[in-house]
Amino acid sequence: MENLFKMKRRFVIIGSNSFSGSTLIDLLQQDEGNEVVGISRSKEKDRLFLAYKGGLQFHQMNLNTDLDKMLQLFDKYEPHYIVNFASQSEVAPSWEYPEQWYQTNCMSIVRLSNELKDRKYLKGYVHISTPEVYGSCPKVTESAPLNPSTPYAASRAAADMFLLCLARNFDFPLTIIRSTNVYGAHQQLWKIIPRTVIYLKQGRKIELHGGGDQIRSFIHIRDVTRGILKAIELGKAGSIYHLSPQNGCSIKWIVQRVCELMGYDFDRATVSFGKRAGQDACYIIDSSKARTELGWHPQIPLDEGLKEVIQWVGENWEGISTAPLEYIHKAY
């Protein structure tokens, strides 16, 4: 391992167009010792929604339909590390199209990882999972039983279990990362924090499902990507690492804090709706393992991160105000 880090480290980021994937690429590109290739099913996004500055070797490939092409690229490039962010990530529509969520979040991962287990050049495969595999979770550790509440979460749990089987039986160099609710500049506009900022600027009511009482743990995306890199460099093969703050807060509190920072009245700006199907009450996970084994801890205070998002929306209002503000479903 020591010799490896004295040479160029070759990374492939699957899901490079994603908020989290593009932010990890930005971090990796800051080190001239890293070579990075990005893969996503859609063409490279507009710079407004990509955290990295450019200069990426990008390939448009779909994990569901282009696996053979992807493997040919891997065998030519021989990456040391593959980090996979690719998933169907929205919860509500997973009830309408559960087979599509299983295809992308489970079956494509099974096919990919079963091939990768025989690639000797691979030093690490990092799978980006989710705490939703636990269901409602008040401060769980990595050893907590999986108890998913939605098709989205169940599809992710199924993939995680298969990957762990590979790690146990074939010494597959797996690391699983489960982080809580990420946020920051360049995030998808329908996520709660950027959507709140946008709706306030547009004078639209912010809908709080279940009154916004659900407890979540918001963590800045740059803290998460630092944790992923530390897991690559210092983590133990076959391990799961949680990345999260120590405590959570309600969705209602987050929206109220954004209202305060922007000078809006919370009661006038919001409206309550009923709960969504399978909506878990609480996501708080214990990140002691990452703090102890990796020396990781969050560095960006919540208020600082919220102000960054507010500033990003304001500085890019012309492009953001005309962009779609709702999730647009694409099959596979």
Protein backbone atom coordinates (compact mmCIF):
# COMPACT_ATOMS: atom_id res chain seq x y z
CA MET A 1 0.00 0.00 0.00
CA GLU A 2 2.83 2.37 0.83
CA ASN A 3 4.42 1.93 -2.61
CA LEU A 4 1.05 2.39 -4.30
CA PHE A 5 0.63 5.87 -2.87
CA LYS A 6 4.03 6.97 -4.25
CA MET A 7 2.76 6.41 -7.80
CA LYS A 8 -0.19 7.78 -9.70
CA ARG A 9 -3.44 6.59 -8.17
CA ARG A 10 -6.02 5.76 -10.84
CA PHE A 11 -9.68 6.28 -9.95
CA VAL A 12 -12.92 5.57 -11.79
CA ILE A 13 -15.97 7.38 -10.45
CA ILE A 14 -19.25 5.77 -11.53
CA GLY A 15 -22.00 8.36 -11.24
CA SER A 16 -19.63 11.25 -11.92
CA ASN A 17 -22.56 13.50 -12.82
CA SER A 18 -24.08 13.06 -9.39
CA PHE A 19 -23.79 15.72 -6.69
CA SER A 20 -21.64 13.49 -4.50
CA GLY A 21 -19.63 11.99 -7.34
CA SER A 22 -18.68 15.34 -8.86
CA THR A 23 -17.65 16.66 -5.44
CA LEU A 24 -15.35 13.68 -4.87
CA ILE A 25 -13.82 14.29 -8.31
CA ASP A 26 -13.16 17.91 -7.32
CA LEU A 27 -11.31 16.69 -4.22
CA LEU A 28 -9.31 14.09 -6.14
CA GLN A 29 -8.30 16.59 -8.84
CA GLN A 30 -6.67 18.78 -6.21
CA ASP A 31 -3.90 16.15 -5.90
CA GLU A 32 -1.68 15.88 -9.00
CA GLY A 33 -0.92 12.30 -7.96
CA ASN A 34 -4.46 11.23 -8.90
CA GLU A 35 -5.79 10.31 -12.33
CA VAL A 36 -9.59 10.33 -12.54
CA VAL A 37 -12.05 8.92 -15.07
CA GLY A 38 -15.76 9.69 -14.77
CA ILE A 39 -18.68 7.57 -15.96
CA SER A 40 -22.37 8.52 -16.00
CA ARG A 41 -25.41 7.40 -17.96
CA SER A 42 -26.16 10.94 -19.19
CA LYS A 43 -23.81 13.35 -20.91
CA GLU A 44 -21.62 15.56 -18.74
CA LYS A 45 -23.78 18.09 -16.92
CA ASP A 46 -23.74 21.86 -17.09
CA ARG A 47 -21.02 23.37 -14.88
CA LEU A 48 -23.72 24.81 -12.60
CA PHE A 49 -24.42 21.32 -11.28
CA LEU A 50 -20.87 19.93 -11.25
CA ALA A 51 -18.51 20.62 -8.37
CA TYR A 52 -15.31 19.97 -10.32
CA LYS A 53 -13.88 22.63 -12.60
CA GLY A 54 -13.35 20.52 -15.74
CA GLY A 55 -10.56 18.49 -17.28
CA LEU A 56 -12.23 15.16 -16.55
CA GLN A 57 -11.81 12.14 -18.83
CA PHE A 58 -15.54 11.45 -19.15
CA HIS A 59 -17.40 8.49 -20.64
CA GLN A 60 -21.16 8.31 -21.12
CA MET A 61 -22.11 4.76 -20.17
CA ASN A 62 -25.12 3.19 -18.50
CA LEU A 63 -24.45 0.60 -15.82
CA ASN A 64 -27.60 -1.28 -16.84
CA THR A 65 -26.93 -1.52 -20.56
CA ASP A 66 -23.21 -0.85 -21.15
CA LEU A 67 -21.48 -3.19 -18.70
CA ASP A 68 -19.35 -4.85 -21.39
CA LYS A 69 -18.09 -1.46 -22.60
CA MET A 70 -17.43 -0.43 -19.02
CA LEU A 71 -15.39 -3.55 -18.33
CA GLN A 72 -13.37 -2.98 -21.49
CA LEU A 73 -12.58 0.52 -20.25
CA PHE A 74 -11.58 -0.82 -16.84
CA ASP A 75 -9.30 -3.47 -18.34
CA LYS A 76 -7.60 -0.87 -20.52
CA TYR A 77 -7.25 1.75 -17.77
CA GLU A 78 -6.69 -0.68 -14.85
CA PRO A 79 -7.97 1.60 -12.08
CA HIS A 80 -6.71 1.09 -8.56
CA TYR A 81 -10.02 2.31 -7.14
CA ILE A 82 -13.61 2.34 -8.34
CA VAL A 83 -16.08 4.47 -6.39
CA ASN A 84 -19.71 3.80 -7.31
CA PHE A 85 -22.31 6.51 -6.64
CA ALA A 86 -24.75 5.29 -9.30
CA SER A 87 -28.30 4.62 -8.11
CA GLN A 88 -31.96 5.43 -8.56
CA SER A 89 -32.06 7.60 -5.47
CA GLU A 90 -35.53 9.08 -5.05
CA VAL A 91 -37.80 7.34 -2.56
CA ALA A 92 -41.35 8.33 -3.54
CA PRO A 93 -41.28 7.14 -7.18
CA SER A 94 -39.70 3.83 -6.13
CA TRP A 95 -43.21 2.78 -5.06
CA GLU A 96 -44.44 3.31 -8.64
CA TYR A 97 -41.56 1.57 -10.44
CA PRO A 98 -39.97 -0.82 -7.92
CA GLU A 99 -38.62 -3.12 -10.65
CA GLN A 100 -36.61 -0.23 -12.08
CA TRP A 101 -35.11 0.58 -8.70
CA TYR A 102 -34.12 -3.08 -8.22
CA GLN A 103 -32.63 -3.22 -11.71
CA THR A 104 -30.37 -0.20 -11.17
CA ASN A 105 -29.68 -0.43 -7.44
CA CYS A 106 -29.34 -4.19 -7.10
CA MET A 107 -29.04 -6.23 -10.30
CA SER A 108 -26.60 -3.88 -12.04
CA ILE A 109 -24.43 -3.88 -8.90
CA VAL A 110 -24.52 -7.67 -8.71
CA ARG A 111 -23.41 -8.00 -12.34
CA LEU A 112 -20.70 -5.34 -12.02
CA SER A 113 -19.19 -6.53 -8.77
CA ASN A 114 -19.27 -10.20 -9.79
CA GLU A 115 -17.05 -9.26 -12.74
CA LEU A 116 -14.81 -6.97 -10.71
CA LYS A 117 -14.02 -9.61 -8.11
CA ASP A 118 -11.68 -11.25 -10.64
CA ARG A 119 -9.84 -8.06 -11.65
CA LYS A 120 -6.46 -8.26 -9.89
CA TYR A 121 -5.56 -4.64 -10.64
CA LEU A 122 -8.38 -3.40 -8.40
CA LYS A 123 -7.15 -2.34 -4.95
CA GLY A 124 -10.48 -1.03 -3.68
CA TYR A 125 -14.15 -0.88 -4.62
CA VAL A 126 -16.06 1.77 -2.67
CA HIS A 127 -19.83 1.37 -2.71
CA ILE A 128 -21.87 4.40 -1.70
CA SER A 129 -24.90 3.10 0.19
CA THR A 130 -27.46 4.79 2.44
CA PRO A 131 -28.62 4.65 6.10
CA GLU A 132 -32.14 4.09 4.75
CA VAL A 133 -31.26 0.39 4.62
CA TYR A 134 -31.76 0.40 8.41
CA GLY A 135 -35.27 1.86 8.24
CA SER A 136 -35.98 4.38 10.97
CA CYS A 137 -32.70 4.45 12.87
CA PRO A 138 -32.00 6.32 16.11
CA LYS A 139 -28.17 6.33 16.39
CA VAL A 140 -27.39 2.89 14.93
CA THR A 141 -23.91 1.46 14.37
CA GLU A 142 -22.61 -0.35 11.30
CA SER A 143 -23.59 -3.72 12.80
CA ALA A 144 -27.31 -2.83 13.08
CA PRO A 145 -29.72 -5.19 11.26
CA LEU A 146 -31.13 -4.04 7.94
CA ASN A 147 -34.82 -3.18 8.02
CA PRO A 148 -35.69 -1.14 4.89
CA SER A 149 -39.07 0.60 4.67
CA THR A 150 -39.30 1.45 0.94
CA PRO A 151 -38.50 -0.20 -2.41
CA TYR A 152 -35.60 2.22 -2.77
CA ALA A 153 -34.10 1.21 0.58
CA ALA A 154 -34.78 -2.50 0.02
CA SER A 155 -33.03 -2.43 -3.36
CA ARG A 156 -29.98 -0.78 -1.78
CA ALA A 157 -29.95 -3.27 1.11
CA ALA A 158 -30.04 -6.21 -1.30
CA ALA A 159 -26.99 -4.90 -3.17
CA ASP A 160 -25.10 -4.27 0.08
CA MET A 161 -25.71 -7.84 1.24
CA PHE A 162 -24.42 -9.31 -2.02
CA LEU A 163 -21.30 -7.13 -1.90
CA LEU A 164 -20.57 -8.26 1.65
CA CYS A 165 -20.88 -11.88 0.48
CA LEU A 166 -18.21 -11.19 -2.14
CA ALA A 167 -15.95 -9.60 0.47
CA ARG A 168 -16.29 -12.59 2.81
CA ASN A 169 -15.88 -15.32 0.21
CA PHE A 170 -13.55 -13.85 -2.43
CA ASP A 171 -11.56 -11.19 -0.55
CA PHE A 172 -13.23 -8.58 -2.74
CA PRO A 173 -11.64 -5.25 -1.67
CA LEU A 174 -14.94 -3.69 -0.62
CA THR A 175 -15.66 -0.60 1.42
CA ILE A 176 -19.27 0.48 2.02
CA ILE A 177 -20.00 4.11 2.91
CA ARG A 178 -23.29 5.17 4.46
CA SER A 179 -23.62 8.88 5.06
CA THR A 180 -26.60 10.87 6.25
CA ASN A 181 -28.32 13.71 4.35
CA VAL A 182 -25.73 15.49 2.25
CA TYR A 183 -26.11 19.09 1.13
CA GLY A 184 -24.06 21.91 -0.39
CA ALA A 185 -23.64 23.98 -3.53
CA HIS A 186 -24.41 22.20 -6.84
CA GLN A 187 -26.98 19.88 -5.26
CA GLN A 188 -30.11 18.78 -7.15
CA LEU A 189 -32.64 21.58 -6.86
CA TRP A 190 -35.50 19.39 -5.59
CA LYS A 191 -33.59 18.49 -2.41
CA ILE A 192 -34.94 20.18 0.70
CA ILE A 193 -32.24 22.80 1.33
CA PRO A 194 -31.82 24.27 -2.19
CA ARG A 195 -35.56 23.90 -2.79
CA THR A 196 -36.29 25.92 0.35
CA VAL A 197 -33.97 28.71 -0.78
CA ILE A 198 -35.50 28.76 -4.26
CA TYR A 199 -39.12 28.68 -3.05
CA LEU A 200 -38.46 31.54 -0.65
CA LYS A 201 -37.01 33.64 -3.46
CA GLN A 202 -39.98 32.78 -5.69
CA GLY A 203 -42.61 33.36 -3.01
CA ARG A 204 -43.85 29.75 -3.21
CA LYS A 205 -45.07 27.71 -0.24
CA ILE A 206 -42.64 25.08 1.05
CA GLU A 207 -44.43 21.76 1.56
CA LEU A 208 -43.55 19.91 4.77
CA HIS A 209 -44.71 16.31 4.58
CA GLY A 210 -45.70 15.01 8.00
CA GLY A 211 -45.28 18.55 9.27
CA GLY A 212 -41.52 18.29 8.83
CA ASP A 213 -41.12 16.40 12.12
CA GLN A 214 -38.83 13.73 10.64
CA ILE A 215 -35.35 13.79 12.15
CA ARG A 216 -32.40 13.88 9.76
CA SER A 217 -28.65 14.44 10.11
CA PHE A 218 -27.41 16.97 7.58
CA ILE A 219 -23.75 16.83 6.65
CA HIS A 220 -21.86 18.96 4.14
CA ILE A 221 -20.86 17.07 1.02
CA ARG A 222 -17.20 18.09 1.32
CA ASP A 223 -17.05 16.45 4.76
CA VAL A 224 -18.44 13.27 3.21
CA THR A 225 -15.99 13.20 0.31
CA ARG A 226 -13.08 13.71 2.72
CA GLY A 227 -14.40 10.71 4.64
CA ILE A 228 -14.59 8.61 1.49
CA LEU A 229 -10.97 9.44 0.65
CA LYS A 230 -9.87 8.60 4.19
CA ALA A 231 -11.68 5.26 3.94
CA ILE A 232 -9.82 4.54 0.70
CA GLU A 233 -6.47 5.36 2.26
CA LEU A 234 -6.91 4.04 5.80
CA GLY A 235 -9.99 1.82 5.87
CA LYS A 236 -10.06 -1.93 6.36
CA ALA A 237 -11.20 -4.11 3.48
CA GLY A 238 -14.72 -5.46 3.93
CA SER A 239 -15.69 -2.63 6.29
CA ILE A 240 -18.72 -0.38 6.48
CA TYR A 241 -18.20 3.22 7.59
CA HIS A 242 -20.82 5.73 8.70
CA LEU A 243 -20.21 9.41 7.97
CA SER A 244 -22.47 11.72 9.94
CA PRO A 245 -22.65 14.51 12.51
CA GLN A 246 -23.20 13.56 16.13
CA ASN A 247 -26.82 14.68 16.27
CA GLY A 248 -29.84 15.23 14.05
CA CYS A 249 -32.52 17.87 13.64
CA SER A 250 -36.00 17.96 12.15
CA ILE A 251 -36.73 18.89 8.55
CA LYS A 252 -38.91 21.63 10.02
CA TRP A 253 -35.95 23.05 11.96
CA ILE A 254 -33.74 23.09 8.84
CA VAL A 255 -36.39 24.95 6.84
CA GLN A 256 -36.93 27.36 9.71
CA ARG A 257 -33.18 28.04 9.95
CA VAL A 258 -32.96 28.79 6.21
CA CYS A 259 -35.93 31.15 6.62
CA GLU A 260 -34.13 32.94 9.46
CA LEU A 261 -30.88 33.27 7.51
CA MET A 262 -32.77 34.73 4.54
CA GLY A 263 -35.10 36.97 6.58
CA TYR A 264 -38.41 35.17 5.88
CA ASP A 265 -41.27 34.24 8.20
CA PHE A 266 -41.39 30.45 8.57
CA ASP A 267 -45.14 30.18 9.27
CA ARG A 268 -46.04 32.21 6.21
CA ALA A 269 -43.56 30.36 3.99
CA THR A 270 -44.61 26.77 4.76
CA VAL A 271 -47.60 24.44 4.58
CA SER A 272 -47.96 20.95 6.12
CA PHE A 273 -49.00 17.79 4.25
CA GLY A 274 -49.57 14.18 5.23
CA LYS A 275 -46.70 11.72 5.49
CA ARG A 276 -45.39 9.86 2.45
CA ALA A 277 -45.66 6.05 2.37
CA GLY A 278 -42.75 4.42 4.20
CA GLN A 279 -41.43 7.74 5.47
CA ASP A 280 -39.01 6.90 8.28
CA ALA A 281 -39.20 9.01 11.42
CA CYS A 282 -35.49 9.25 12.11
CA TYR A 283 -32.07 8.82 10.49
CA ILE A 284 -29.29 9.22 13.02
CA ILE A 285 -26.27 6.97 12.63
CA ASP A 286 -23.22 6.52 14.84
CA SER A 287 -19.99 7.54 13.10
CA SER A 288 -17.63 6.58 15.94
CA LYS A 289 -15.93 3.93 13.81
CA ALA A 290 -14.88 6.45 11.13
CA ARG A 291 -13.78 8.91 13.80
CA THR A 292 -11.65 6.26 15.55
CA GLU A 293 -10.24 4.22 12.65
CA LEU A 294 -9.94 6.96 10.03
CA GLY A 295 -9.40 10.05 12.17
CA TRP A 296 -12.35 11.65 10.39
CA HIS A 297 -14.80 14.20 11.73
CA PRO A 298 -17.05 16.84 10.11
CA GLN A 299 -15.43 20.25 9.76
CA ILE A 300 -18.09 22.47 8.17
CA PRO A 301 -20.66 23.93 10.63
CA LEU A 302 -24.28 23.71 9.50
CA ASP A 303 -24.86 27.48 9.39
CA GLU A 304 -21.74 27.94 7.26
CA GLY A 305 -22.96 25.29 4.84
CA LEU A 306 -26.47 26.74 4.64
CA LYS A 307 -25.07 30.19 3.89
CA GLU A 308 -22.96 28.66 1.13
CA VAL A 309 -26.06 27.17 -0.52
CA ILE A 310 -27.95 30.46 -0.20
CA GLN A 311 -25.02 32.28 -1.81
CA TRP A 312 -24.70 29.69 -4.60
CA VAL A 313 -28.40 30.01 -5.46
CA GLY A 314 -28.19 33.80 -5.42
CA GLU A 315 -25.07 33.99 -7.59
CA ASN A 316 -26.51 31.54 -10.13
CA TRP A 317 -30.13 32.68 -10.00
CA GLU A 318 -30.49 33.21 -13.74
CA GLY A 319 -29.72 29.57 -14.48
CA ILE A 320 -31.35 28.10 -11.39
CA SER A 321 -34.63 30.01 -11.73
CA THR A 322 -35.24 28.47 -15.17
CA ALA A 323 -34.10 24.93 -14.32
CA PRO A 324 -36.56 22.13 -13.44
CA LEU A 325 -37.37 22.18 -9.72
CA GLU A 326 -38.90 18.70 -9.56
CA TYR A 327 -37.38 15.26 -9.94
CA ILE A 328 -37.74 13.96 -13.50
CA HIS A 329 -37.87 10.19 -13.60
CA LYS A 330 -35.80 8.31 -16.18
CA ALA A 331 -36.19 4.55 -16.45
CA TYR A 332 -32.88 2.73 -16.07
